[in-house]
Amino acid sequence: MSDVQAGPALSKRNGIAIEVDRELCFGFGDCVDSAPNVFELDDENKSVVVDPDAQDRDTIMLAAQDCPVDAIVITDPETGEQLYP
Protein backbone atom coordinates (compact mmCIF):
# COMPACT_ATOMS: atom_id res chain seq x y z
CA MET A 1 0.00 0.00 0.00
CA SER A 2 1.31 3.45 -0.88
CA ASP A 3 2.05 6.17 1.62
CA VAL A 4 -0.35 9.07 1.75
CA GLN A 5 1.04 11.84 -0.38
CA ALA A 6 0.96 15.38 0.91
CA GLY A 7 -0.32 17.83 -1.66
CA PRO A 8 -1.25 17.24 -5.28
CA ALA A 9 0.27 14.52 -7.44
CA LEU A 10 1.71 15.98 -10.64
CA SER A 11 1.07 14.18 -13.89
CA LYS A 12 3.79 15.32 -16.27
CA ARG A 13 2.28 13.13 -18.99
CA ASN A 14 -1.08 14.91 -18.80
CA GLY A 15 -0.08 18.36 -17.56
CA ILE A 16 -2.39 18.22 -14.55
CA ALA A 17 -2.21 18.06 -10.77
CA ILE A 18 -4.47 15.55 -9.01
CA GLU A 19 -5.44 15.91 -5.36
CA VAL A 20 -7.83 13.91 -3.22
CA ASP A 21 -9.57 15.85 -0.45
CA ARG A 22 -9.33 13.23 2.29
CA GLU A 23 -11.93 15.05 4.41
CA LEU A 24 -14.49 14.66 1.61
CA CYS A 25 -13.54 11.15 0.48
CA PHE A 26 -15.88 8.42 1.72
CA GLY A 27 -14.05 5.57 -0.02
CA PHE A 28 -16.79 4.67 -2.48
CA GLY A 29 -14.07 3.56 -4.90
CA ASP A 30 -15.66 4.92 -8.07
CA CYS A 31 -12.34 6.56 -8.98
CA VAL A 32 -10.57 3.22 -8.55
CA ASP A 33 -13.13 1.58 -10.85
CA SER A 34 -12.64 4.33 -13.45
CA ALA A 35 -8.85 4.67 -13.26
CA PRO A 36 -7.48 1.69 -11.32
CA ASN A 37 -3.86 2.39 -12.19
CA VAL A 38 -4.08 5.97 -10.93
CA PHE A 39 -6.14 5.58 -7.74
CA GLU A 40 -6.43 3.01 -4.99
CA LEU A 41 -8.02 2.91 -1.55
CA ASP A 42 -5.59 3.03 1.37
CA ASP A 43 -5.78 1.44 4.82
CA GLU A 44 -8.27 4.13 5.90
CA ASN A 45 -10.48 3.32 2.90
CA LYS A 46 -9.66 6.71 1.38
CA SER A 47 -8.60 7.30 -2.19
CA VAL A 48 -4.93 8.01 -2.90
CA VAL A 49 -3.09 8.73 -6.14
CA VAL A 50 -0.60 5.92 -6.76
CA ASP A 51 0.54 6.79 -10.30
CA PRO A 52 -0.61 10.11 -11.79
CA ASP A 53 0.83 9.20 -15.19
CA ALA A 54 -0.75 5.74 -15.47
CA GLN A 55 -3.73 6.79 -17.58
CA ASP A 56 -4.62 9.51 -20.03
CA ARG A 57 -6.06 12.87 -19.07
CA ASP A 58 -9.61 12.05 -20.19
CA THR A 59 -9.68 8.89 -18.05
CA ILE A 60 -8.44 10.79 -15.00
CA MET A 61 -10.99 13.55 -15.55
CA LEU A 62 -13.74 10.94 -15.86
CA ALA A 63 -12.59 9.32 -12.61
CA ALA A 64 -12.80 12.71 -10.87
CA GLN A 65 -16.29 13.25 -12.29
CA ASP A 66 -17.35 9.78 -11.12
CA CYS A 67 -16.65 10.72 -7.49
CA PRO A 68 -20.09 11.23 -5.91
CA VAL A 69 -18.73 13.82 -3.42
CA ASP A 70 -16.29 15.68 -5.73
CA ALA A 71 -13.33 14.77 -3.52
CA ILE A 72 -10.90 14.75 -6.47
CA VAL A 73 -9.61 18.13 -7.52
CA ILE A 74 -7.84 18.51 -10.88
CA THR A 75 -5.83 21.65 -11.52
CA ASP A 76 -3.47 23.03 -14.13
CA PRO A 77 -0.12 23.21 -12.29
CA GLU A 78 1.17 25.97 -14.58
CA THR A 79 -1.72 28.41 -14.11
CA GLY A 80 -3.32 27.12 -10.91
CA GLU A 81 -6.66 27.00 -12.73
CA GLN A 82 -9.02 24.45 -11.23
CA LEU A 83 -10.23 22.18 -14.04
CA TYR A 84 -12.53 20.00 -11.91
CA PRO A 85 -14.82 20.36 -10.04
PDB file of N, CA and C in Angstrom:
ATOM      1  N   MET A   1       0.849  -1.184   0.000  1.00  0.00           N
ATOM      2  CA  MET A   1       0.000   0.000   0.000  1.00  0.00           C
ATOM      3  C   MET A   1       0.890   1.241   0.000  1.00  0.00           C
ATOM      4  N   SER A   2       0.509   2.247  -0.744  1.00  0.00           N
ATOM      5  CA  SER A   2       1.306   3.455  -0.879  1.00  0.00           C
ATOM      6  C   SER A   2       1.129   4.373   0.324  1.00  0.00           C
ATOM      7  N   ASP A   3       2.148   5.163   0.574  1.00  0.00           N
ATOM      8  CA  ASP A   3       2.045   6.166   1.620  1.00  0.00           C
ATOM      9  C   ASP A   3       1.132   7.281   1.142  1.00  0.00           C
ATOM     10  N   VAL A   4       0.488   7.936   2.088  1.00  0.00           N
ATOM     11  CA  VAL A   4      -0.355   9.067   1.752  1.00  0.00           C
ATOM     12  C   VAL A   4       0.538  10.213   1.309  1.00  0.00           C
ATOM     13  N   GLN A   5       0.237  10.754   0.166  1.00  0.00           N
ATOM     14  CA  GLN A   5       1.041  11.836  -0.385  1.00  0.00           C
ATOM     15  C   GLN A   5       0.486  13.172   0.087  1.00  0.00           C
ATOM     16  N   ALA A   6       1.362  14.033   0.527  1.00  0.00           N
ATOM     17  CA  ALA A   6       0.959  15.378   0.906  1.00  0.00           C
ATOM     18  C   ALA A   6       0.914  16.240  -0.350  1.00  0.00           C
ATOM     19  N   GLY A   7      -0.176  16.948  -0.517  1.00  0.00           N
ATOM     20  CA  GLY A   7      -0.315  17.835  -1.664  1.00  0.00           C
ATOM     21  C   GLY A   7      -0.687  17.091  -2.935  1.00  0.00           C
ATOM     22  N   PRO A   8      -0.824  17.834  -4.013  1.00  0.00           N
ATOM     23  CA  PRO A   8      -1.245  17.235  -5.275  1.00  0.00           C
ATOM     24  C   PRO A   8      -0.167  16.373  -5.925  1.00  0.00           C
ATOM     25  N   ALA A   9      -0.623  15.362  -6.655  1.00  0.00           N
ATOM     26  CA  ALA A   9       0.275  14.517  -7.443  1.00  0.00           C
ATOM     27  C   ALA A   9       0.343  15.116  -8.844  1.00  0.00           C
ATOM     28  N   LEU A  10       1.546  15.377  -9.314  1.00  0.00           N
ATOM     29  CA  LEU A  10       1.713  15.980 -10.635  1.00  0.00           C
ATOM     30  C   LEU A  10       1.817  14.908 -11.706  1.00  0.00           C
ATOM     31  N   SER A  11       0.992  15.056 -12.739  1.00  0.00           N
ATOM     32  CA  SER A  11       1.072  14.180 -13.894  1.00  0.00           C
ATOM     33  C   SER A  11       1.763  14.941 -15.009  1.00  0.00           C
ATOM     34  N   LYS A  12       3.049  14.651 -15.198  1.00  0.00           N
ATOM     35  CA  LYS A  12       3.791  15.318 -16.268  1.00  0.00           C
ATOM     36  C   LYS A  12       3.241  14.912 -17.630  1.00  0.00           C
ATOM     37  N   ARG A  13       2.821  13.644 -17.734  1.00  0.00           N
ATOM     38  CA  ARG A  13       2.278  13.128 -18.988  1.00  0.00           C
ATOM     39  C   ARG A  13       1.049  13.927 -19.437  1.00  0.00           C
ATOM     40  N   ASN A  14       0.195  14.283 -18.478  1.00  0.00           N
ATOM     41  CA  ASN A  14      -1.083  14.913 -18.799  1.00  0.00           C
ATOM     42  C   ASN A  14      -1.137  16.411 -18.500  1.00  0.00           C
ATOM     43  N   GLY A  15      -0.101  16.942 -17.865  1.00  0.00           N
ATOM     44  CA  GLY A  15      -0.080  18.361 -17.557  1.00  0.00           C
ATOM     45  C   GLY A  15      -1.139  18.781 -16.553  1.00  0.00           C
ATOM     46  N   ILE A  16      -1.392  17.917 -15.573  1.00  0.00           N
ATOM     47  CA  ILE A  16      -2.386  18.224 -14.546  1.00  0.00           C
ATOM     48  C   ILE A  16      -1.855  17.848 -13.171  1.00  0.00           C
ATOM     49  N   ALA A  17      -2.472  18.432 -12.159  1.00  0.00           N
ATOM     50  CA  ALA A  17      -2.210  18.059 -10.772  1.00  0.00           C
ATOM     51  C   ALA A  17      -3.488  17.418 -10.238  1.00  0.00           C
ATOM     52  N   ILE A  18      -3.337  16.307  -9.520  1.00  0.00           N
ATOM     53  CA  ILE A  18      -4.473  15.548  -9.005  1.00  0.00           C
ATOM     54  C   ILE A  18      -4.363  15.529  -7.490  1.00  0.00           C
ATOM     55  N   GLU A  19      -5.444  15.930  -6.817  1.00  0.00           N
ATOM     56  CA  GLU A  19      -5.437  15.911  -5.360  1.00  0.00           C
ATOM     57  C   GLU A  19      -6.753  15.342  -4.846  1.00  0.00           C
ATOM     58  N   VAL A  20      -6.648  14.476  -3.859  1.00  0.00           N
ATOM     59  CA  VAL A  20      -7.830  13.911  -3.220  1.00  0.00           C
ATOM     60  C   VAL A  20      -8.032  14.635  -1.894  1.00  0.00           C
ATOM     61  N   ASP A  21      -9.215  15.217  -1.715  1.00  0.00           N
ATOM     62  CA  ASP A  21      -9.572  15.846  -0.446  1.00  0.00           C
ATOM     63  C   ASP A  21      -9.992  14.732   0.508  1.00  0.00           C
ATOM     64  N   ARG A  22      -9.103  14.369   1.411  1.00  0.00           N
ATOM     65  CA  ARG A  22      -9.335  13.231   2.295  1.00  0.00           C
ATOM     66  C   ARG A  22     -10.474  13.481   3.279  1.00  0.00           C
ATOM     67  N   GLU A  23     -10.792  14.735   3.535  1.00  0.00           N
ATOM     68  CA  GLU A  23     -11.927  15.047   4.407  1.00  0.00           C
ATOM     69  C   GLU A  23     -13.248  14.730   3.696  1.00  0.00           C
ATOM     70  N   LEU A  24     -13.281  14.930   2.385  1.00  0.00           N
ATOM     71  CA  LEU A  24     -14.493  14.664   1.610  1.00  0.00           C
ATOM     72  C   LEU A  24     -14.640  13.201   1.200  1.00  0.00           C
ATOM     73  N   CYS A  25     -13.515  12.510   1.009  1.00  0.00           N
ATOM     74  CA  CYS A  25     -13.537  11.149   0.475  1.00  0.00           C
ATOM     75  C   CYS A  25     -14.216  10.187   1.448  1.00  0.00           C
ATOM     76  N   PHE A  26     -15.190   9.438   0.931  1.00  0.00           N
ATOM     77  CA  PHE A  26     -15.881   8.418   1.715  1.00  0.00           C
ATOM     78  C   PHE A  26     -15.453   7.012   1.332  1.00  0.00           C
ATOM     79  N   GLY A  27     -14.555   6.883   0.361  1.00  0.00           N
ATOM     80  CA  GLY A  27     -14.051   5.573  -0.017  1.00  0.00           C
ATOM     81  C   GLY A  27     -15.020   4.749  -0.837  1.00  0.00           C
ATOM     82  N   PHE A  28     -15.854   5.407  -1.627  1.00  0.00           N
ATOM     83  CA  PHE A  28     -16.791   4.675  -2.482  1.00  0.00           C
ATOM     84  C   PHE A  28     -16.055   3.842  -3.529  1.00  0.00           C
ATOM     85  N   GLY A  29     -14.888   4.314  -3.957  1.00  0.00           N
ATOM     86  CA  GLY A  29     -14.070   3.559  -4.899  1.00  0.00           C
ATOM     87  C   GLY A  29     -14.421   3.746  -6.357  1.00  0.00           C
ATOM     88  N   ASP A  30     -15.308   4.689  -6.665  1.00  0.00           N
ATOM     89  CA  ASP A  30     -15.663   4.922  -8.069  1.00  0.00           C
ATOM     90  C   ASP A  30     -14.447   5.359  -8.884  1.00  0.00           C
ATOM     91  N   CYS A  31     -13.548   6.132  -8.277  1.00  0.00           N
ATOM     92  CA  CYS A  31     -12.340   6.564  -8.979  1.00  0.00           C
ATOM     93  C   CYS A  31     -11.434   5.373  -9.277  1.00  0.00           C
ATOM     94  N   VAL A  32     -11.384   4.421  -8.350  1.00  0.00           N
ATOM     95  CA  VAL A  32     -10.570   3.222  -8.546  1.00  0.00           C
ATOM     96  C   VAL A  32     -11.150   2.390  -9.688  1.00  0.00           C
ATOM     97  N   ASP A  33     -12.479   2.309  -9.749  1.00  0.00           N
ATOM     98  CA  ASP A  33     -13.127   1.583 -10.848  1.00  0.00           C
ATOM     99  C   ASP A  33     -12.841   2.249 -12.190  1.00  0.00           C
ATOM    100  N   SER A  34     -12.823   3.583 -12.207  1.00  0.00           N
ATOM    101  CA  SER A  34     -12.636   4.332 -13.453  1.00  0.00           C
ATOM    102  C   SER A  34     -11.181   4.415 -13.897  1.00  0.00           C
ATOM    103  N   ALA A  35     -10.279   4.529 -12.950  1.00  0.00           N
ATOM    104  CA  ALA A  35      -8.852   4.671 -13.264  1.00  0.00           C
ATOM    105  C   ALA A  35      -8.035   3.872 -12.245  1.00  0.00           C
ATOM    106  N   PRO A  36      -8.095   2.541 -12.339  1.00  0.00           N
ATOM    107  CA  PRO A  36      -7.480   1.690 -11.319  1.00  0.00           C
ATOM    108  C   PRO A  36      -5.961   1.791 -11.219  1.00  0.00           C
ATOM    109  N   ASN A  37      -5.309   2.252 -12.251  1.00  0.00           N
ATOM    110  CA  ASN A  37      -3.856   2.387 -12.191  1.00  0.00           C
ATOM    111  C   ASN A  37      -3.419   3.722 -11.588  1.00  0.00           C
ATOM    112  N   VAL A  38      -4.372   4.645 -11.476  1.00  0.00           N
ATOM    113  CA  VAL A  38      -4.080   5.965 -10.926  1.00  0.00           C
ATOM    114  C   VAL A  38      -4.452   6.033  -9.446  1.00  0.00           C
ATOM    115  N   PHE A  39      -5.618   5.492  -9.108  1.00  0.00           N
ATOM    116  CA  PHE A  39      -6.141   5.580  -7.740  1.00  0.00           C
ATOM    117  C   PHE A  39      -6.230   4.206  -7.097  1.00  0.00           C
ATOM    118  N   GLU A  40      -6.098   4.199  -5.772  1.00  0.00           N
ATOM    119  CA  GLU A  40      -6.428   3.009  -4.993  1.00  0.00           C
ATOM    120  C   GLU A  40      -6.907   3.486  -3.626  1.00  0.00           C
ATOM    121  N   LEU A  41      -7.572   2.593  -2.900  1.00  0.00           N
ATOM    122  CA  LEU A  41      -8.017   2.914  -1.547  1.00  0.00           C
ATOM    123  C   LEU A  41      -6.936   2.474  -0.571  1.00  0.00           C
ATOM    124  N   ASP A  42      -6.635   3.332   0.396  1.00  0.00           N
ATOM    125  CA  ASP A  42      -5.588   3.026   1.366  1.00  0.00           C
ATOM    126  C   ASP A  42      -6.168   2.291   2.579  1.00  0.00           C
ATOM    127  N   ASP A  43      -5.370   2.171   3.616  1.00  0.00           N
ATOM    128  CA  ASP A  43      -5.781   1.442   4.819  1.00  0.00           C
ATOM    129  C   ASP A  43      -6.935   2.112   5.551  1.00  0.00           C
ATOM    130  N   GLU A  44      -7.154   3.397   5.301  1.00  0.00           N
ATOM    131  CA  GLU A  44      -8.267   4.130   5.904  1.00  0.00           C
ATOM    132  C   GLU A  44      -9.485   4.141   4.993  1.00  0.00           C
ATOM    133  N   ASN A  45      -9.414   3.372   3.894  1.00  0.00           N
ATOM    134  CA  ASN A  45     -10.481   3.316   2.898  1.00  0.00           C
ATOM    135  C   ASN A  45     -10.722   4.691   2.260  1.00  0.00           C
ATOM    136  N   LYS A  46      -9.629   5.416   2.058  1.00  0.00           N
ATOM    137  CA  LYS A  46      -9.664   6.713   1.383  1.00  0.00           C
ATOM    138  C   LYS A  46      -8.860   6.591   0.094  1.00  0.00           C
ATOM    139  N   SER A  47      -9.281   7.331  -0.908  1.00  0.00           N
ATOM    140  CA  SER A  47      -8.595   7.298  -2.192  1.00  0.00           C
ATOM    141  C   SER A  47      -7.243   7.999  -2.110  1.00  0.00           C
ATOM    142  N   VAL A  48      -6.248   7.400  -2.759  1.00  0.00           N
ATOM    143  CA  VAL A  48      -4.928   8.008  -2.900  1.00  0.00           C
ATOM    144  C   VAL A  48      -4.482   7.853  -4.356  1.00  0.00           C
ATOM    145  N   VAL A  49      -3.663   8.794  -4.788  1.00  0.00           N
ATOM    146  CA  VAL A  49      -3.088   8.729  -6.139  1.00  0.00           C
ATOM    147  C   VAL A  49      -1.814   7.891  -6.038  1.00  0.00           C
ATOM    148  N   VAL A  50      -1.776   6.790  -6.785  1.00  0.00           N
ATOM    149  CA  VAL A  50      -0.601   5.922  -6.758  1.00  0.00           C
ATOM    150  C   VAL A  50       0.303   6.127  -7.976  1.00  0.00           C
ATOM    151  N   ASP A  51      -0.267   6.516  -9.107  1.00  0.00           N
ATOM    152  CA  ASP A  51       0.536   6.792 -10.304  1.00  0.00           C
ATOM    153  C   ASP A  51      -0.202   7.804 -11.175  1.00  0.00           C
ATOM    154  N   PRO A  52       0.123   9.080 -11.043  1.00  0.00           N
ATOM    155  CA  PRO A  52      -0.607  10.112 -11.786  1.00  0.00           C
ATOM    156  C   PRO A  52      -0.407  10.060 -13.298  1.00  0.00           C
ATOM    157  N   ASP A  53       0.575   9.304 -13.760  1.00  0.00           N
ATOM    158  CA  ASP A  53       0.832   9.199 -15.195  1.00  0.00           C
ATOM    159  C   ASP A  53       0.321   7.888 -15.804  1.00  0.00           C
ATOM    160  N   ALA A  54      -0.381   7.091 -15.015  1.00  0.00           N
ATOM    161  CA  ALA A  54      -0.750   5.744 -15.466  1.00  0.00           C
ATOM    162  C   ALA A  54      -1.860   5.710 -16.510  1.00  0.00           C
ATOM    163  N   GLN A  55      -2.633   6.776 -16.610  1.00  0.00           N
ATOM    164  CA  GLN A  55      -3.728   6.795 -17.580  1.00  0.00           C
ATOM    165  C   GLN A  55      -3.775   8.153 -18.247  1.00  0.00           C
ATOM    166  N   ASP A  56      -4.552   8.248 -19.308  1.00  0.00           N
ATOM    167  CA  ASP A  56      -4.623   9.511 -20.031  1.00  0.00           C
ATOM    168  C   ASP A  56      -5.493  10.524 -19.292  1.00  0.00           C
ATOM    169  N   ARG A  57      -5.357  11.759 -19.722  1.00  0.00           N
ATOM    170  CA  ARG A  57      -6.058  12.874 -19.070  1.00  0.00           C
ATOM    171  C   ARG A  57      -7.569  12.671 -19.042  1.00  0.00           C
ATOM    172  N   ASP A  58      -8.152  12.239 -20.145  1.00  0.00           N
ATOM    173  CA  ASP A  58      -9.614  12.045 -20.194  1.00  0.00           C
ATOM    174  C   ASP A  58     -10.074  11.012 -19.177  1.00  0.00           C
ATOM    175  N   THR A  59      -9.313   9.942 -19.014  1.00  0.00           N
ATOM    176  CA  THR A  59      -9.675   8.890 -18.052  1.00  0.00           C
ATOM    177  C   THR A  59      -9.603   9.428 -16.632  1.00  0.00           C
ATOM    178  N   ILE A  60      -8.581  10.207 -16.335  1.00  0.00           N
ATOM    179  CA  ILE A  60      -8.441  10.786 -15.000  1.00  0.00           C
ATOM    180  C   ILE A  60      -9.559  11.786 -14.729  1.00  0.00           C
ATOM    181  N   MET A  61      -9.885  12.597 -15.711  1.00  0.00           N
ATOM    182  CA  MET A  61     -10.992  13.550 -15.546  1.00  0.00           C
ATOM    183  C   MET A  61     -12.310  12.812 -15.308  1.00  0.00           C
ATOM    184  N   LEU A  62     -12.523  11.733 -16.042  1.00  0.00           N
ATOM    185  CA  LEU A  62     -13.737  10.936 -15.858  1.00  0.00           C
ATOM    186  C   LEU A  62     -13.785  10.346 -14.450  1.00  0.00           C
ATOM    187  N   ALA A  63     -12.655   9.869 -13.967  1.00  0.00           N
ATOM    188  CA  ALA A  63     -12.594   9.318 -12.612  1.00  0.00           C
ATOM    189  C   ALA A  63     -12.962  10.392 -11.584  1.00  0.00           C
ATOM    190  N   ALA A  64     -12.463  11.604 -11.780  1.00  0.00           N
ATOM    191  CA  ALA A  64     -12.803  12.709 -10.869  1.00  0.00           C
ATOM    192  C   ALA A  64     -14.302  13.001 -10.925  1.00  0.00           C
ATOM    193  N   GLN A  65     -14.858  12.991 -12.126  1.00  0.00           N
ATOM    194  CA  GLN A  65     -16.285  13.248 -12.288  1.00  0.00           C
ATOM    195  C   GLN A  65     -17.144  12.125 -11.715  1.00  0.00           C
ATOM    196  N   ASP A  66     -16.605  10.920 -11.665  1.00  0.00           N
ATOM    197  CA  ASP A  66     -17.350   9.784 -11.120  1.00  0.00           C
ATOM    198  C   ASP A  66     -17.438   9.814  -9.598  1.00  0.00           C
ATOM    199  N   CYS A  67     -16.612  10.626  -8.944  1.00  0.00           N
ATOM    200  CA  CYS A  67     -16.649  10.719  -7.488  1.00  0.00           C
ATOM    201  C   CYS A  67     -17.958  11.383  -7.064  1.00  0.00           C
ATOM    202  N   PRO A  68     -18.786  10.677  -6.273  1.00  0.00           N
ATOM    203  CA  PRO A  68     -20.089  11.233  -5.908  1.00  0.00           C
ATOM    204  C   PRO A  68     -20.016  12.438  -4.970  1.00  0.00           C
ATOM    205  N   VAL A  69     -18.858  12.680  -4.342  1.00  0.00           N
ATOM    206  CA  VAL A  69     -18.733  13.816  -3.418  1.00  0.00           C
ATOM    207  C   VAL A  69     -17.714  14.850  -3.896  1.00  0.00           C
ATOM    208  N   ASP A  70     -17.263  14.738  -5.149  1.00  0.00           N
ATOM    209  CA  ASP A  70     -16.293  15.683  -5.732  1.00  0.00           C
ATOM    210  C   ASP A  70     -15.058  15.851  -4.862  1.00  0.00           C
ATOM    211  N   ALA A  71     -14.523  14.727  -4.376  1.00  0.00           N
ATOM    212  CA  ALA A  71     -13.334  14.768  -3.520  1.00  0.00           C
ATOM    213  C   ALA A  71     -12.035  14.860  -4.314  1.00  0.00           C
ATOM    214  N   ILE A  72     -12.110  14.701  -5.634  1.00  0.00           N
ATOM    215  CA  ILE A  72     -10.904  14.746  -6.470  1.00  0.00           C
ATOM    216  C   ILE A  72     -10.855  16.089  -7.185  1.00  0.00           C
ATOM    217  N   VAL A  73      -9.788  16.809  -6.931  1.00  0.00           N
ATOM    218  CA  VAL A  73      -9.608  18.135  -7.523  1.00  0.00           C
ATOM    219  C   VAL A  73      -8.495  18.038  -8.564  1.00  0.00           C
ATOM    220  N   ILE A  74      -8.804  18.493  -9.777  1.00  0.00           N
ATOM    221  CA  ILE A  74      -7.844  18.510 -10.881  1.00  0.00           C
ATOM    222  C   ILE A  74      -7.527  19.964 -11.192  1.00  0.00           C
ATOM    223  N   THR A  75      -6.240  20.289 -11.201  1.00  0.00           N
ATOM    224  CA  THR A  75      -5.828  21.651 -11.517  1.00  0.00           C
ATOM    225  C   THR A  75      -4.731  21.650 -12.582  1.00  0.00           C
ATOM    226  N   ASP A  76      -4.575  22.801 -13.203  1.00  0.00           N
ATOM    227  CA  ASP A  76      -3.470  23.029 -14.125  1.00  0.00           C
ATOM    228  C   ASP A  76      -2.306  23.552 -13.286  1.00  0.00           C
ATOM    229  N   PRO A  77      -1.216  22.787 -13.169  1.00  0.00           N
ATOM    230  CA  PRO A  77      -0.122  23.214 -12.287  1.00  0.00           C
ATOM    231  C   PRO A  77       0.602  24.473 -12.764  1.00  0.00           C
ATOM    232  N   GLU A  78       0.488  24.782 -14.037  1.00  0.00           N
ATOM    233  CA  GLU A  78       1.168  25.971 -14.576  1.00  0.00           C
ATOM    234  C   GLU A  78       0.413  27.246 -14.208  1.00  0.00           C
ATOM    235  N   THR A  79      -0.919  27.206 -14.325  1.00  0.00           N
ATOM    236  CA  THR A  79      -1.717  28.411 -14.106  1.00  0.00           C
ATOM    237  C   THR A  79      -2.432  28.409 -12.765  1.00  0.00           C
ATOM    238  N   GLY A  80      -2.562  27.224 -12.146  1.00  0.00           N
ATOM    239  CA  GLY A  80      -3.323  27.124 -10.906  1.00  0.00           C
ATOM    240  C   GLY A  80      -4.815  27.037 -11.128  1.00  0.00           C
ATOM    241  N   GLU A  81      -5.237  27.058 -12.405  1.00  0.00           N
ATOM    242  CA  GLU A  81      -6.658  26.996 -12.726  1.00  0.00           C
ATOM    243  C   GLU A  81      -7.223  25.650 -12.313  1.00  0.00           C
ATOM    244  N   GLN A  82      -8.354  25.683 -11.608  1.00  0.00           N
ATOM    245  CA  GLN A  82      -9.022  24.450 -11.232  1.00  0.00           C
ATOM    246  C   GLN A  82      -9.848  23.955 -12.416  1.00  0.00           C
ATOM    247  N   LEU A  83      -9.555  22.744 -12.875  1.00  0.00           N
ATOM    248  CA  LEU A  83     -10.231  22.178 -14.038  1.00  0.00           C
ATOM    249  C   LEU A  83     -11.432  21.340 -13.651  1.00  0.00           C
ATOM    250  N   TYR A  84     -11.402  20.761 -12.441  1.00  0.00           N
ATOM    251  CA  TYR A  84     -12.529  20.003 -11.907  1.00  0.00           C
ATOM    252  C   TYR A  84     -12.392  19.921 -10.409  1.00  0.00           C
ATOM    253  N   PRO A  85     -13.447  19.985  -9.643  1.00  0.00           N
ATOM    254  CA  PRO A  85     -14.818  20.356 -10.042  1.00  0.00           C
ATOM    255  C   PRO A  85     -14.941  21.843 -10.253  1.00  0.00           C
TER     256      PRO A  85
END
